[in-house]
Each structure stands twice: as structure tokens, then as C-alpha cells.
Amino acid sequence: MPEDDYASELVTVELDWADLDEPYRRNITRRQLGQLLLQLDDMAETTASQ
């Protein structure tokens, strides 16, 4: 896979809240982002049902 194609598949995820000194940033693939979003959705559903 050409390097440009690989780079276009990466996204930056940034988490930030008051207790952090600086935002938490990581580059992940679009596939990893999809899996992360599914996990967060499952967590939200579990929390809502409690």
C-alpha cells in the first residue's frame, strides 16, 4: 500500500477533560475508530439501562 493511502486511513482521536494537563491524542486507523465507537455505544447502552 502506498504511504499516502496509509496516511489517509489514519484519524486522530483526542480526549480532553478538566483533570488532564494536556489533551490525550492518538492516531488510529478508521477501522479502529469504528470499533471504538461501537464499544462506546455499547457502554452508553449499558449505562442507560442501569
Protein backbone atom coordinates (compact mmCIF):
# COMPACT_ATOMS: atom_id res chain seq x y z
CA MET A 1 0.00 0.00 0.00
CA PRO A 2 1.47 3.38 -0.91
CA GLU A 3 2.33 5.58 2.05
CA ASP A 4 -0.22 8.24 1.02
CA ASP A 5 -3.04 5.67 1.08
CA TYR A 6 -1.97 4.53 4.55
CA ALA A 7 -1.86 8.09 5.86
CA SER A 8 -5.36 8.80 4.57
CA GLU A 9 -6.64 5.86 6.64
CA LEU A 10 -5.41 7.39 9.91
CA VAL A 11 -7.50 9.66 12.07
CA THR A 12 -6.55 11.50 15.25
CA VAL A 13 -8.65 10.84 18.34
CA GLU A 14 -8.42 13.47 21.07
CA LEU A 15 -9.80 13.18 24.59
CA ASP A 16 -9.79 16.16 26.90
CA TRP A 17 -11.31 16.94 30.27
CA ALA A 18 -10.60 19.27 33.18
CA ASP A 19 -8.21 16.98 35.10
CA LEU A 20 -5.81 16.46 32.19
CA ASP A 21 -2.76 18.68 31.87
CA GLU A 22 -2.98 18.34 28.09
CA PRO A 23 -5.30 16.53 25.68
CA TYR A 24 -4.75 12.80 25.13
CA ARG A 25 -4.21 12.28 21.39
CA ARG A 26 -3.66 9.10 19.41
CA ASN A 27 -3.61 8.31 15.71
CA ILE A 28 -5.68 5.25 14.89
CA THR A 29 -6.99 3.67 11.71
CA ARG A 30 -10.54 4.20 10.52
CA ARG A 31 -11.25 0.56 11.33
CA GLN A 32 -10.03 1.03 14.91
CA LEU A 33 -12.18 4.17 15.17
CA GLY A 34 -15.23 2.18 14.09
CA GLN A 35 -14.52 -0.47 16.74
CA LEU A 36 -14.00 2.21 19.38
CA LEU A 37 -17.29 3.89 18.52
CA LEU A 38 -19.13 0.55 18.75
CA GLN A 39 -17.62 -0.05 22.20
CA LEU A 40 -18.64 3.42 23.36
CA ASP A 41 -22.16 2.84 22.06
CA ASP A 42 -22.37 -0.44 23.99
CA MET A 43 -21.10 1.29 27.13
CA ALA A 44 -23.71 4.05 26.76
CA GLU A 45 -26.46 1.48 26.30
CA THR A 46 -25.34 -0.41 29.43
CA THR A 47 -25.20 2.79 31.45
CA ALA A 48 -28.65 3.88 30.27
CA SER A 49 -30.17 0.55 31.30
CA GLN A 50 -28.80 0.74 34.87
